[in-house]
């Protein structure tokens, strides 16, 4: 602490220059002095004295007048600076685990542990962060009356990454996706990458972009993606849905609970005991066992087998081994569009109901129209209203027929009535093509192709040897499922 002395008095000044303390210089008592004389004695030190400091000098002089050694007294005090507060970043979103500010769980947070996800999803246009500017403090003043500069606040530092924008100090998401915020950088990713398993540490996933899982998807968990899903391990008895492609580098072990759906192609090592739906192809390296599988494209298992379950492959089937030596029941439908079938089964009763209502209205209105002269104005208005009602019902029925026709036209792009077996096909296998079905009664060696063909004026299922070109018919006949004929009759106006 700096010390400044006169003959009689000593002034101790604090290192921060905010305090000056008056004491006697030496151990002997100086002669009595008035407060004015003390101020004159210390005047060369140029201290900034306020009322409190002068009062302490008066008290100090009073002690001397009493021939008593006064205690050191503070006679000058400065004002410490109030430093600026640095700029901050305020969270404007609620975290997936609770409130943005407190981290406390929300009242409406899901109760199922499967639904407790730590993935922070955001929507386009959502405000994410607010940049709060530094808060100004105040400069100080030392005991000499000189200013002490405060520390200036720094602006909050934030780097903007992908899919975010800054407007009026607020950061907004410009796309749906996962928020990535480290405190210094913010972005929104349209790809969600899971470094380990999808388990209780992750929870169920519902994501707008693509999902990539580095390991496995465990039993009973769910993934839904509006793009593609890639799993580098296996998928257990889980539900995985992708509007695009679904790729599983390991395999899919459904355990009779697994549900695997893709709007595009499904590609994996194997699939067992699962429900599978694909808008395009299903490509499997090893085997498909006991699955309910429907694909609008082709099913290709060129190095493995297909056995058990139920298979509907609109775009054809290409497999090494079909069925098994144990003659397991293995029904295969090829060239049949299940989407067309389900659409017909849904709209056909609706069309029939609309037509019946229209016919009922016509039965009421036609006699009235034949005798219009006998009708008064109100009755004529009612008859006209009923007539327009019948037209509306017929229009609605026709719209549903056009909906079915559109699905039929689309299905023609996918349909391929062909099964190719590269290895062996065993008894227990049942083929169903549009209008035809047949069974395998004895083992056959491939490569062999099964197609519907007219033989002596009758459509049959024919086996064609892919090497020699020779062919023979297998036991086959008209299918017992007549929905396709009914749909064609409806579309042609014969129904």
Protein backbone atom coordinates (compact mmCIF):
# COMPACT_ATOMS: atom_id res chain seq x y z
CA UNK A 1 0.00 0.00 0.00
CA UNK A 2 1.59 3.37 -0.97
CA UNK A 3 2.40 5.74 1.89
CA UNK A 4 2.56 9.56 1.70
CA UNK A 5 3.94 11.49 4.67
CA UNK A 6 4.13 15.01 6.08
CA UNK A 7 5.98 16.04 9.22
CA UNK A 8 3.03 15.24 11.42
CA UNK A 9 0.81 12.86 9.50
CA UNK A 10 0.92 9.80 7.32
CA UNK A 11 -1.53 9.02 4.47
CA UNK A 12 -1.85 5.37 3.40
CA UNK A 13 -3.35 4.90 -0.07
CA UNK A 14 -4.81 1.54 -1.16
CA UNK A 15 -3.46 -0.12 -4.28
CA UNK A 16 -6.71 0.45 -6.11
CA UNK A 17 -6.58 4.17 -5.18
CA UNK A 18 -10.04 3.95 -3.66
CA UNK A 19 -9.14 4.51 0.00
CA UNK A 20 -6.92 7.03 1.86
CA UNK A 21 -6.29 6.46 5.59
CA UNK A 22 -4.99 9.23 7.94
CA UNK A 23 -2.69 8.37 10.87
CA UNK A 24 -0.02 9.99 13.04
CA UNK A 25 3.46 9.98 11.53
CA UNK A 26 5.55 8.18 14.10
CA UNK A 27 4.92 6.97 17.63
CA UNK A 28 4.91 10.34 19.45
CA UNK A 29 1.79 12.38 19.86
CA UNK A 30 1.89 15.55 17.74
CA UNK A 31 0.68 18.87 19.12
CA UNK A 32 -3.01 19.58 19.00
CA UNK A 33 -4.24 20.65 15.57
CA UNK A 34 -7.51 21.93 14.26
CA UNK A 35 -9.27 20.15 11.47
CA UNK A 36 -8.42 23.06 9.18
CA UNK A 37 -4.73 22.75 9.98
CA UNK A 38 -4.84 18.98 9.28
CA UNK A 39 -6.51 19.65 5.92
CA UNK A 40 -3.83 22.26 5.14
CA UNK A 41 -1.13 19.77 6.15
CA UNK A 42 -2.46 17.09 3.73
CA UNK A 43 -3.54 19.52 1.01
CA UNK A 44 -0.40 18.87 -1.09
CA UNK A 45 -1.56 15.28 -1.47
CA UNK A 46 -4.53 16.55 -3.51
CA UNK A 47 -7.02 14.15 -2.05
CA UNK A 48 -10.67 14.43 -3.06
CA UNK A 49 -12.42 14.97 0.28
CA UNK A 50 -16.15 14.59 0.73
CA UNK A 51 -18.31 15.38 3.75
CA UNK A 52 -17.71 12.01 5.37
CA UNK A 53 -13.93 12.45 4.98
CA UNK A 54 -14.03 15.93 6.51
CA UNK A 55 -16.11 14.62 9.42
CA UNK A 56 -13.46 11.97 10.08
CA UNK A 57 -10.73 14.68 10.04
CA UNK A 58 -12.73 16.63 12.64
CA UNK A 59 -12.95 13.49 14.79
CA UNK A 60 -9.22 12.88 14.31
CA UNK A 61 -8.45 16.50 15.47
CA UNK A 62 -10.74 16.06 18.46
CA UNK A 63 -8.68 13.10 19.66
CA UNK A 64 -5.50 15.12 19.36
CA UNK A 65 -7.10 17.92 21.35
CA UNK A 66 -7.73 15.37 24.09
CA UNK A 67 -4.02 14.44 23.99
CA UNK A 68 -5.04 10.95 22.87
CA UNK A 69 -3.49 8.96 20.06
CA UNK A 70 -6.19 8.73 17.37
CA UNK A 71 -6.78 5.50 15.48
CA UNK A 72 -6.19 5.58 11.71
CA UNK A 73 -9.23 6.99 9.95
CA UNK A 74 -10.44 6.80 6.36
CA UNK A 75 -10.64 10.35 5.10
CA UNK A 76 -11.13 9.76 1.39
CA UNK A 77 -12.98 7.08 -0.55
CA UNK A 78 -13.38 6.73 -4.27
CA UNK A 79 -16.20 5.11 -6.22
CA UNK A 80 -15.28 1.69 -7.67
CA UNK A 81 -16.18 1.16 -11.32
CA UNK A 82 -19.19 -1.02 -12.20
CA UNK A 83 -17.99 -3.15 -15.08
CA UNK A 84 -20.20 -3.89 -18.07
CA UNK A 85 -21.92 -7.29 -18.22
CA UNK A 86 -20.91 -9.31 -21.28
CA UNK A 87 -23.49 -10.02 -23.92
CA UNK A 88 -25.40 -13.28 -23.44
CA UNK A 89 -27.33 -15.80 -25.49
CA UNK A 90 -30.90 -16.56 -24.42
CA UNK A 91 -32.51 -19.90 -25.34
CA UNK A 92 -35.91 -19.42 -26.97
CA UNK A 93 -36.78 -23.11 -27.35
CA UNK A 94 -37.83 -25.67 -24.80
CA UNK A 95 -35.32 -28.46 -24.52
CA UNK A 96 -36.40 -32.01 -25.24
CA UNK A 97 -35.89 -32.77 -21.54
CA UNK A 98 -37.71 -29.78 -20.06
CA UNK A 99 -37.78 -26.01 -19.72
CA UNK A 100 -35.17 -23.94 -21.55
CA UNK A 101 -34.19 -21.92 -18.52
CA UNK A 102 -34.51 -24.36 -15.61
CA UNK A 103 -34.20 -27.78 -17.23
CA UNK A 104 -37.26 -28.91 -15.27
CA UNK A 105 -39.50 -31.51 -16.86
CA UNK A 106 -42.73 -30.28 -18.43
CA UNK A 107 -46.12 -31.35 -17.14
CA UNK A 108 -47.04 -32.71 -20.57
CA UNK A 109 -43.77 -34.61 -21.03
CA UNK A 110 -44.33 -38.21 -22.17
CA UNK A 111 -44.61 -40.89 -19.51
CA UNK A 112 -43.25 -43.77 -21.62
CA UNK A 113 -39.50 -44.20 -21.37
CA UNK A 114 -39.54 -45.10 -25.07
CA UNK A 115 -40.90 -41.64 -25.86
CA UNK A 116 -38.31 -39.73 -23.78
CA UNK A 117 -36.00 -38.53 -26.50
CA UNK A 118 -32.97 -36.29 -26.03
CA UNK A 119 -33.05 -35.17 -29.65
CA UNK A 120 -33.84 -31.46 -30.02
CA UNK A 121 -36.13 -31.17 -33.04
CA UNK A 122 -37.00 -27.77 -34.46
CA UNK A 123 -39.23 -26.50 -37.25
CA UNK A 124 -38.55 -24.04 -40.03
CA UNK A 125 -39.28 -20.49 -38.87
CA UNK A 126 -38.90 -21.36 -35.19
CA UNK A 127 -36.96 -18.81 -33.08
CA UNK A 128 -34.00 -20.55 -31.46
CA UNK A 129 -31.75 -18.00 -29.72
CA UNK A 130 -31.70 -14.31 -28.84
CA UNK A 131 -28.45 -12.34 -28.72
CA UNK A 132 -28.59 -10.02 -25.69
CA UNK A 133 -26.19 -7.03 -26.01
CA UNK A 134 -23.73 -6.15 -23.21
CA UNK A 135 -25.25 -4.26 -20.26
CA UNK A 136 -23.45 -0.98 -19.57
CA UNK A 137 -21.91 -0.35 -16.14
CA UNK A 138 -20.38 2.91 -14.82
CA UNK A 139 -16.87 4.37 -14.67
CA UNK A 140 -15.41 4.83 -11.18
CA UNK A 141 -13.49 7.71 -9.45
CA UNK A 142 -10.34 7.38 -7.34
CA UNK A 143 -9.45 9.36 -4.17
CA UNK A 144 -7.74 11.97 -6.30
CA UNK A 145 -10.93 12.63 -8.27
CA UNK A 146 -9.58 10.96 -11.38
CA UNK A 147 -11.84 8.59 -13.36
CA UNK A 148 -11.31 4.79 -13.25
CA UNK A 149 -12.40 3.22 -16.51
CA UNK A 150 -14.77 0.29 -16.27
CA UNK A 151 -14.20 -2.93 -18.23
CA UNK A 152 -16.16 -2.87 -21.43
CA UNK A 153 -18.57 -5.76 -22.13
CA UNK A 154 -18.01 -8.11 -25.02
CA UNK A 155 -20.65 -9.05 -27.57
CA UNK A 156 -21.82 -12.65 -27.33
CA UNK A 157 -19.93 -14.70 -29.91
CA UNK A 158 -22.06 -16.98 -32.07
CA UNK A 159 -21.20 -18.62 -35.36
CA UNK A 160 -24.09 -19.45 -37.70
CA UNK A 161 -24.02 -22.82 -39.42
CA UNK A 162 -26.40 -24.48 -41.87
CA UNK A 163 -30.14 -23.86 -41.98
CA UNK A 164 -30.26 -20.85 -39.61
CA UNK A 165 -30.55 -17.07 -40.10
CA UNK A 166 -30.06 -14.03 -37.87
CA UNK A 167 -32.66 -11.28 -37.91
CA UNK A 168 -32.97 -8.46 -35.32
CA UNK A 169 -30.67 -10.30 -32.90
CA UNK A 170 -32.82 -13.46 -33.08
CA UNK A 171 -31.64 -16.71 -34.68
CA UNK A 172 -34.33 -18.60 -36.61
CA UNK A 173 -34.35 -22.11 -38.10
CA UNK A 174 -34.77 -22.10 -41.88
CA UNK A 175 -35.43 -25.85 -42.16
CA UNK A 176 -36.91 -28.69 -40.13
CA UNK A 177 -34.30 -30.82 -38.41
CA UNK A 178 -32.10 -31.38 -35.38
CA UNK A 179 -30.80 -28.37 -33.48
CA UNK A 180 -27.05 -28.43 -32.89
CA UNK A 181 -25.94 -25.75 -30.43
CA UNK A 182 -22.60 -25.79 -28.63
CA UNK A 183 -22.71 -22.35 -27.01
CA UNK A 184 -20.57 -20.83 -29.75
CA UNK A 185 -22.07 -22.30 -32.93
CA UNK A 186 -25.64 -23.03 -33.94
CA UNK A 187 -27.00 -24.98 -36.90
CA UNK A 188 -29.91 -27.19 -37.89
CA UNK A 189 -29.01 -30.53 -39.43
CA UNK A 190 -31.30 -32.42 -41.79
CA UNK A 191 -29.39 -35.61 -40.98
CA UNK A 192 -29.72 -37.22 -37.55
CA UNK A 193 -26.71 -39.38 -36.64
CA UNK A 194 -26.93 -41.71 -33.65
CA UNK A 195 -23.45 -42.75 -32.51
CA UNK A 196 -24.58 -45.92 -30.71
CA UNK A 197 -27.80 -47.92 -30.34
CA UNK A 198 -31.35 -46.66 -30.46
CA UNK A 199 -32.21 -47.53 -26.87
CA UNK A 200 -33.46 -45.79 -23.74
CA UNK A 201 -30.61 -43.29 -23.92
CA UNK A 202 -32.04 -42.09 -27.26
CA UNK A 203 -35.75 -42.95 -27.16
CA UNK A 204 -38.09 -43.18 -30.12
CA UNK A 205 -37.19 -41.06 -33.14
CA UNK A 206 -39.53 -39.03 -35.34
CA UNK A 207 -37.37 -36.95 -37.68
CA UNK A 208 -37.97 -34.87 -40.79
CA UNK A 209 -34.62 -35.67 -42.41
CA UNK A 210 -32.48 -38.77 -42.85
CA UNK A 211 -31.54 -40.95 -39.86
CA UNK A 212 -28.24 -42.82 -39.56
CA UNK A 213 -27.75 -45.30 -36.69
CA UNK A 214 -24.16 -46.43 -36.10
CA UNK A 215 -25.12 -49.61 -34.24
CA UNK A 216 -28.46 -51.35 -33.56
CA UNK A 217 -32.16 -50.57 -33.12
CA UNK A 218 -33.30 -52.49 -30.06
CA UNK A 219 -36.62 -54.22 -29.36
CA UNK A 220 -39.80 -52.13 -29.33
CA UNK A 221 -38.17 -48.83 -30.27
CA UNK A 222 -39.53 -46.78 -33.17
CA UNK A 223 -37.90 -44.75 -35.91
CA UNK A 224 -39.86 -42.63 -38.34
CA UNK A 225 -38.09 -40.58 -41.00
CA UNK A 226 -39.53 -38.38 -43.72
CA UNK A 227 -36.42 -39.20 -45.75
CA UNK A 228 -34.15 -42.27 -45.53
CA UNK A 229 -33.00 -44.53 -42.68
CA UNK A 230 -29.62 -46.28 -42.54
CA UNK A 231 -28.76 -48.74 -39.75
CA UNK A 232 -25.19 -50.04 -39.69
CA UNK A 233 -25.98 -52.83 -37.22
CA UNK A 234 -29.16 -54.90 -36.89
CA UNK A 235 -32.80 -54.04 -36.32
CA UNK A 236 -34.54 -56.12 -33.69
CA UNK A 237 -38.30 -56.29 -33.00
CA UNK A 238 -38.67 -52.58 -33.67
CA UNK A 239 -40.75 -50.36 -35.94
CA UNK A 240 -38.75 -48.53 -38.59
CA UNK A 241 -40.50 -46.38 -41.19
CA UNK A 242 -38.84 -44.31 -43.92
CA UNK A 243 -40.57 -42.32 -46.61
CA UNK A 244 -37.45 -42.88 -48.69
CA UNK A 245 -35.10 -45.88 -48.63
CA UNK A 246 -34.42 -48.16 -45.66
CA UNK A 247 -30.95 -49.73 -45.49
CA UNK A 248 -29.83 -52.12 -42.76
CA UNK A 249 -26.28 -53.37 -43.17
CA UNK A 250 -26.77 -56.11 -40.58
CA UNK A 251 -30.16 -57.74 -40.70
CA UNK A 252 -33.74 -57.43 -39.51
CA UNK A 253 -34.83 -59.80 -36.73
CA UNK A 254 -38.52 -59.11 -36.35
CA UNK A 255 -39.41 -61.68 -33.66
CA UNK A 256 -43.00 -61.51 -34.99
CA UNK A 257 -43.25 -57.87 -33.82
CA UNK A 258 -40.96 -56.08 -36.22
CA UNK A 259 -42.47 -53.63 -38.73
CA UNK A 260 -40.23 -52.33 -41.51
CA UNK A 261 -41.72 -49.87 -44.01
CA UNK A 262 -40.11 -47.83 -46.79
CA UNK A 263 -41.58 -45.63 -49.48
CA UNK A 264 -38.53 -46.52 -51.56
CA UNK A 265 -36.22 -49.55 -51.54
CA UNK A 266 -35.38 -51.80 -48.59
CA UNK A 267 -31.89 -53.32 -48.63
CA UNK A 268 -30.50 -55.61 -45.93
CA UNK A 269 -28.64 -58.83 -45.13
CA UNK A 270 -31.62 -60.90 -43.95
CA UNK A 271 -35.20 -60.50 -42.70
CA UNK A 272 -36.92 -62.94 -40.32
CA UNK A 273 -40.38 -63.02 -38.72
CA UNK A 274 -41.37 -59.48 -39.63
CA UNK A 275 -43.91 -57.40 -41.51
CA UNK A 276 -42.28 -55.67 -44.47
CA UNK A 277 -43.69 -53.05 -46.84
CA UNK A 278 -41.74 -51.32 -49.64
CA UNK A 279 -42.85 -48.86 -52.30
CA UNK A 280 -40.06 -50.11 -54.57
CA UNK A 281 -37.66 -53.08 -54.45
CA UNK A 282 -36.61 -55.30 -51.56
CA UNK A 283 -33.00 -56.48 -51.91
CA UNK A 284 -31.75 -59.14 -49.46
CA UNK A 285 -28.36 -60.81 -49.48
CA UNK A 286 -29.08 -63.97 -47.45
CA UNK A 287 -32.67 -64.93 -46.60
CA UNK A 288 -36.26 -63.94 -45.99
CA UNK A 289 -37.94 -66.30 -43.51
CA UNK A 290 -41.55 -66.28 -42.27
CA UNK A 291 -42.27 -62.69 -43.27
CA UNK A 292 -45.40 -60.90 -44.41
CA UNK A 293 -43.67 -59.04 -47.24
CA UNK A 294 -45.27 -56.76 -49.81
CA UNK A 295 -43.23 -54.72 -52.27
CA UNK A 296 -44.37 -52.72 -55.25
CA UNK A 297 -41.07 -53.38 -57.02
CA UNK A 298 -39.09 -56.62 -57.24
CA UNK A 299 -37.93 -58.93 -54.47
CA UNK A 300 -34.33 -60.02 -55.08
CA UNK A 301 -32.56 -62.65 -52.95
CA UNK A 302 -30.02 -63.86 -55.48
CA UNK A 303 -27.68 -65.48 -52.94
CA UNK A 304 -30.21 -66.80 -50.44
CA UNK A 305 -33.63 -68.27 -49.81
CA UNK A 306 -37.26 -67.32 -49.41
CA UNK A 307 -39.33 -69.60 -47.21
CA UNK A 308 -42.61 -69.40 -45.30
CA UNK A 309 -44.72 -66.33 -44.59
CA UNK A 310 -46.50 -64.53 -47.43
CA UNK A 311 -44.85 -62.65 -50.27
CA UNK A 312 -46.39 -60.19 -52.72
CA UNK A 313 -43.84 -58.88 -55.24
CA UNK A 314 -45.47 -56.67 -57.86
CA UNK A 315 -42.25 -56.36 -59.87
CA UNK A 316 -41.34 -60.04 -59.86
CA UNK A 317 -39.16 -62.35 -57.78
CA UNK A 318 -35.55 -63.42 -58.28
CA UNK A 319 -34.20 -65.87 -55.67
CA UNK A 320 -31.62 -68.65 -55.31
CA UNK A 321 -33.70 -71.03 -53.19
CA UNK A 322 -37.48 -70.96 -52.97
CA UNK A 323 -39.12 -73.00 -50.22
CA UNK A 324 -37.35 -75.75 -48.28
CA UNK A 325 -36.80 -79.50 -48.23
CA UNK A 326 -39.31 -79.62 -45.36
CA UNK A 327 -42.00 -78.48 -47.81
CA UNK A 328 -42.88 -75.40 -45.74
CA UNK A 329 -45.94 -73.59 -47.09
CA UNK A 330 -44.52 -70.65 -49.08
CA UNK A 331 -47.16 -68.63 -50.98
CA UNK A 332 -45.79 -66.16 -53.52
CA UNK A 333 -47.86 -63.57 -55.42
CA UNK A 334 -46.13 -61.98 -58.40
CA UNK A 335 -47.27 -59.28 -60.82
CA UNK A 336 -50.12 -58.39 -58.46
CA UNK A 337 -50.28 -54.85 -57.09
CA UNK A 338 -51.47 -55.03 -53.50
CA UNK A 339 -51.98 -51.25 -53.50
CA UNK A 340 -54.45 -51.65 -56.38
CA UNK A 341 -56.14 -54.51 -54.55
CA UNK A 342 -56.53 -52.55 -51.30
CA UNK A 343 -57.75 -49.48 -53.20
CA UNK A 344 -60.39 -51.57 -55.01
CA UNK A 345 -61.55 -53.28 -51.81
CA UNK A 346 -61.92 -49.86 -50.17
CA UNK A 347 -63.64 -47.89 -52.94
CA UNK A 348 -65.81 -50.59 -54.54
CA UNK A 349 -68.34 -50.66 -51.65
CA UNK A 350 -68.33 -46.85 -51.60
CA UNK A 351 -69.04 -46.70 -55.34
CA UNK A 352 -71.82 -49.25 -54.98
CA UNK A 353 -73.40 -47.28 -52.12
CA UNK A 354 -73.26 -43.99 -54.05
CA UNK A 355 -74.81 -45.61 -57.13
CA UNK A 356 -77.63 -47.13 -55.07
CA UNK A 357 -78.38 -43.77 -53.48
CA UNK A 358 -78.42 -42.11 -56.92
CA UNK A 359 -80.75 -44.80 -58.29
CA UNK A 360 -83.08 -44.42 -55.32
CA UNK A 361 -83.27 -40.66 -55.87
CA UNK A 362 -83.98 -41.16 -59.59
CA UNK A 363 -86.81 -43.60 -58.80
CA UNK A 364 -88.39 -40.84 -56.73
CA UNK A 365 -87.85 -37.94 -59.12
CA UNK A 366 -88.49 -39.51 -62.54
CA UNK A 367 -92.26 -40.03 -62.07
CA UNK A 368 -92.51 -36.43 -60.92
CA UNK A 369 -90.66 -35.14 -63.97
CA UNK A 370 -92.90 -37.13 -66.32
CA UNK A 371 -95.91 -35.31 -64.89
CA UNK A 372 -94.52 -31.80 -64.42
CA UNK A 373 -97.80 -30.10 -65.40
CA UNK A 374 -99.44 -31.49 -62.28
CA UNK A 375 -96.73 -30.06 -60.01
CA UNK A 376 -96.91 -26.74 -58.29
CA UNK A 377 -93.88 -24.42 -58.12
CA UNK A 378 -92.66 -25.82 -54.79
CA UNK A 379 -92.92 -29.42 -56.01
CA UNK A 380 -91.05 -28.56 -59.21
CA UNK A 381 -88.26 -26.95 -57.17
CA UNK A 382 -88.05 -30.04 -54.97
CA UNK A 383 -87.94 -32.36 -57.98
CA UNK A 384 -85.14 -30.30 -59.56
CA UNK A 385 -83.20 -30.39 -56.28
CA UNK A 386 -83.51 -34.17 -56.11
CA UNK A 387 -82.38 -34.49 -59.72
CA UNK A 388 -79.23 -32.46 -59.04
CA UNK A 389 -78.64 -34.57 -55.94
CA UNK A 390 -78.64 -37.73 -58.06
CA UNK A 391 -76.16 -36.12 -60.47
CA UNK A 392 -73.89 -35.23 -57.53
CA UNK A 393 -73.96 -38.81 -56.22
CA UNK A 394 -73.08 -40.15 -59.67
CA UNK A 395 -70.23 -37.63 -59.99
CA UNK A 396 -68.82 -38.73 -56.64
CA UNK A 397 -68.99 -42.36 -57.71
CA UNK A 398 -67.20 -41.48 -60.96
CA UNK A 399 -64.46 -39.65 -59.04
CA UNK A 400 -63.77 -42.80 -57.05
CA UNK A 401 -63.65 -44.84 -60.26
CA UNK A 402 -61.10 -42.36 -61.64
CA UNK A 403 -59.10 -42.74 -58.44
CA UNK A 404 -59.03 -46.52 -58.96
CA UNK A 405 -58.14 -46.08 -62.65
CA UNK A 406 -55.21 -43.84 -61.70
CA UNK A 407 -53.86 -46.50 -59.34
CA UNK A 408 -54.27 -49.12 -62.07
CA UNK A 409 -52.32 -47.01 -64.59
CA UNK A 410 -49.57 -46.47 -62.05
CA UNK A 411 -49.38 -50.17 -61.19
CA UNK A 412 -48.69 -51.07 -64.82
CA UNK A 413 -45.29 -49.39 -64.45
CA UNK A 414 -44.34 -51.89 -61.73
CA UNK A 415 -45.96 -55.18 -62.68
CA UNK A 416 -43.75 -58.04 -63.90
CA UNK A 417 -45.27 -61.52 -63.95
CA UNK A 418 -42.06 -63.51 -63.52
CA UNK A 419 -40.34 -65.70 -60.92
CA UNK A 420 -36.70 -66.66 -61.47
CA UNK A 421 -35.15 -69.38 -59.27
CA UNK A 422 -31.39 -69.72 -59.64
CA UNK A 423 -30.98 -72.77 -57.38
CA UNK A 424 -33.80 -75.00 -56.15
CA UNK A 425 -37.58 -74.71 -55.72
CA UNK A 426 -39.38 -77.13 -53.42
CA UNK A 427 -42.90 -78.50 -52.89
CA UNK A 428 -44.96 -76.29 -50.60
CA UNK A 429 -44.40 -73.30 -52.85
CA UNK A 430 -47.59 -71.77 -54.27
CA UNK A 431 -47.51 -69.29 -57.14
CA UNK A 432 -50.22 -66.75 -57.76
CA UNK A 433 -50.22 -64.54 -60.84
CA UNK A 434 -53.10 -62.31 -61.99
CA UNK A 435 -55.93 -64.80 -62.79
CA UNK A 436 -53.67 -67.87 -62.31
CA UNK A 437 -52.38 -69.88 -59.39
CA UNK A 438 -50.33 -73.05 -59.24
CA UNK A 439 -48.31 -75.29 -56.94
CA UNK A 440 -44.92 -76.99 -57.03
CA UNK A 441 -45.44 -80.73 -56.59
CA UNK A 442 -41.82 -81.91 -56.80
CA UNK A 443 -38.37 -80.35 -56.36
CA UNK A 444 -37.03 -78.53 -59.41
CA UNK A 445 -33.50 -77.45 -60.22
CA UNK A 446 -32.69 -74.00 -61.55
CA UNK A 447 -31.96 -71.72 -63.14
CA UNK A 448 -35.63 -71.81 -64.00
CA UNK A 449 -38.25 -69.14 -64.73
CA UNK A 450 -41.97 -69.34 -64.00
CA UNK A 451 -44.32 -67.22 -66.12
CA UNK A 452 -47.98 -67.30 -67.18
CA UNK A 453 -48.36 -68.35 -70.81
CA UNK A 454 -51.14 -69.49 -73.10
CA UNK A 455 -50.75 -73.19 -73.92
CA UNK A 456 -53.18 -74.69 -76.45
CA UNK A 457 -55.53 -71.78 -75.91
CA UNK A 458 -55.46 -72.00 -72.12
CA UNK A 459 -53.43 -69.82 -69.75
CA UNK A 460 -51.14 -71.87 -67.54
CA UNK A 461 -48.08 -71.34 -65.39
CA UNK A 462 -45.06 -72.49 -67.37
CA UNK A 463 -41.59 -73.36 -66.09
CA UNK A 464 -38.85 -72.35 -68.54
CA UNK A 465 -35.31 -73.77 -68.24
CA UNK A 466 -33.09 -70.67 -68.45
CA UNK A 467 -30.19 -72.66 -69.99
CA UNK A 468 -31.89 -74.89 -72.57
CA UNK A 469 -35.05 -72.87 -73.17
CA UNK A 470 -37.20 -76.00 -72.73
CA UNK A 471 -40.47 -75.52 -70.86
CA UNK A 472 -43.28 -77.42 -69.23
CA UNK A 473 -46.48 -76.53 -67.40
CA UNK A 474 -46.91 -76.91 -63.68
CA UNK A 475 -50.19 -77.74 -61.99
CA UNK A 476 -52.16 -74.51 -62.25
CA UNK A 477 -55.61 -73.05 -62.81
CA UNK A 478 -57.73 -69.92 -62.43
CA UNK A 479 -57.24 -68.03 -59.17
CA UNK A 480 -59.96 -68.18 -56.57
CA UNK A 481 -59.43 -64.49 -55.84
CA UNK A 482 -61.60 -62.64 -58.36
CA UNK A 483 -61.02 -59.05 -57.22
CA UNK A 484 -58.91 -58.20 -60.28
CA UNK A 485 -61.63 -59.26 -62.71
CA UNK A 486 -64.18 -57.30 -60.68
CA UNK A 487 -61.94 -54.22 -60.71
CA UNK A 488 -61.46 -54.44 -64.48
CA UNK A 489 -65.20 -54.82 -64.98
CA UNK A 490 -65.81 -51.75 -62.84
CA UNK A 491 -63.27 -49.69 -64.78
CA UNK A 492 -64.60 -50.82 -68.15
CA UNK A 493 -68.16 -49.85 -67.21
CA UNK A 494 -69.42 -53.44 -67.21
CA UNK A 495 -70.18 -53.34 -63.51
